[in-house]
Amino acid sequence: MDTSSWASKYKDDCIAYGFHKLAEMHKEFILEEMADFIEKGFWVVLPYSIAKDLPNSAYSPLETKEERNHRAHLVVDHSRFLINELTKAYLYPEVMQF
């Protein structure tokens, strides 16, 4: 990913945007899910004051997706803030073999 063009103000604006409104409805679920991911070592939580200075860092809003007869699950919206466009496409050919 190349976020070299992201100025500090742009990163601040991404953080200020927050999460999607549907995520607000599932706040307790999100807290439980995040705590579980942190405990299992999948995620590391950093304060924004540290994370904003990490090279090539980017931010996408969190949301939840509801499905009938299933519990909600976490989704990250990479279409917001042009994350999809900034992602460099370089897959190893072996990845696409079936």
Foldseek 3Di string as FASTA:
>chain_A
DAPVVQDLVNQVVLVVVAADPQVVVVVVVVVVVVVVCVVVVNDDDDPCVPQSPDPPDDDFHKHWDDDPPDHIDIDTDCPPPVNVVPDDDDDDPVVPDD
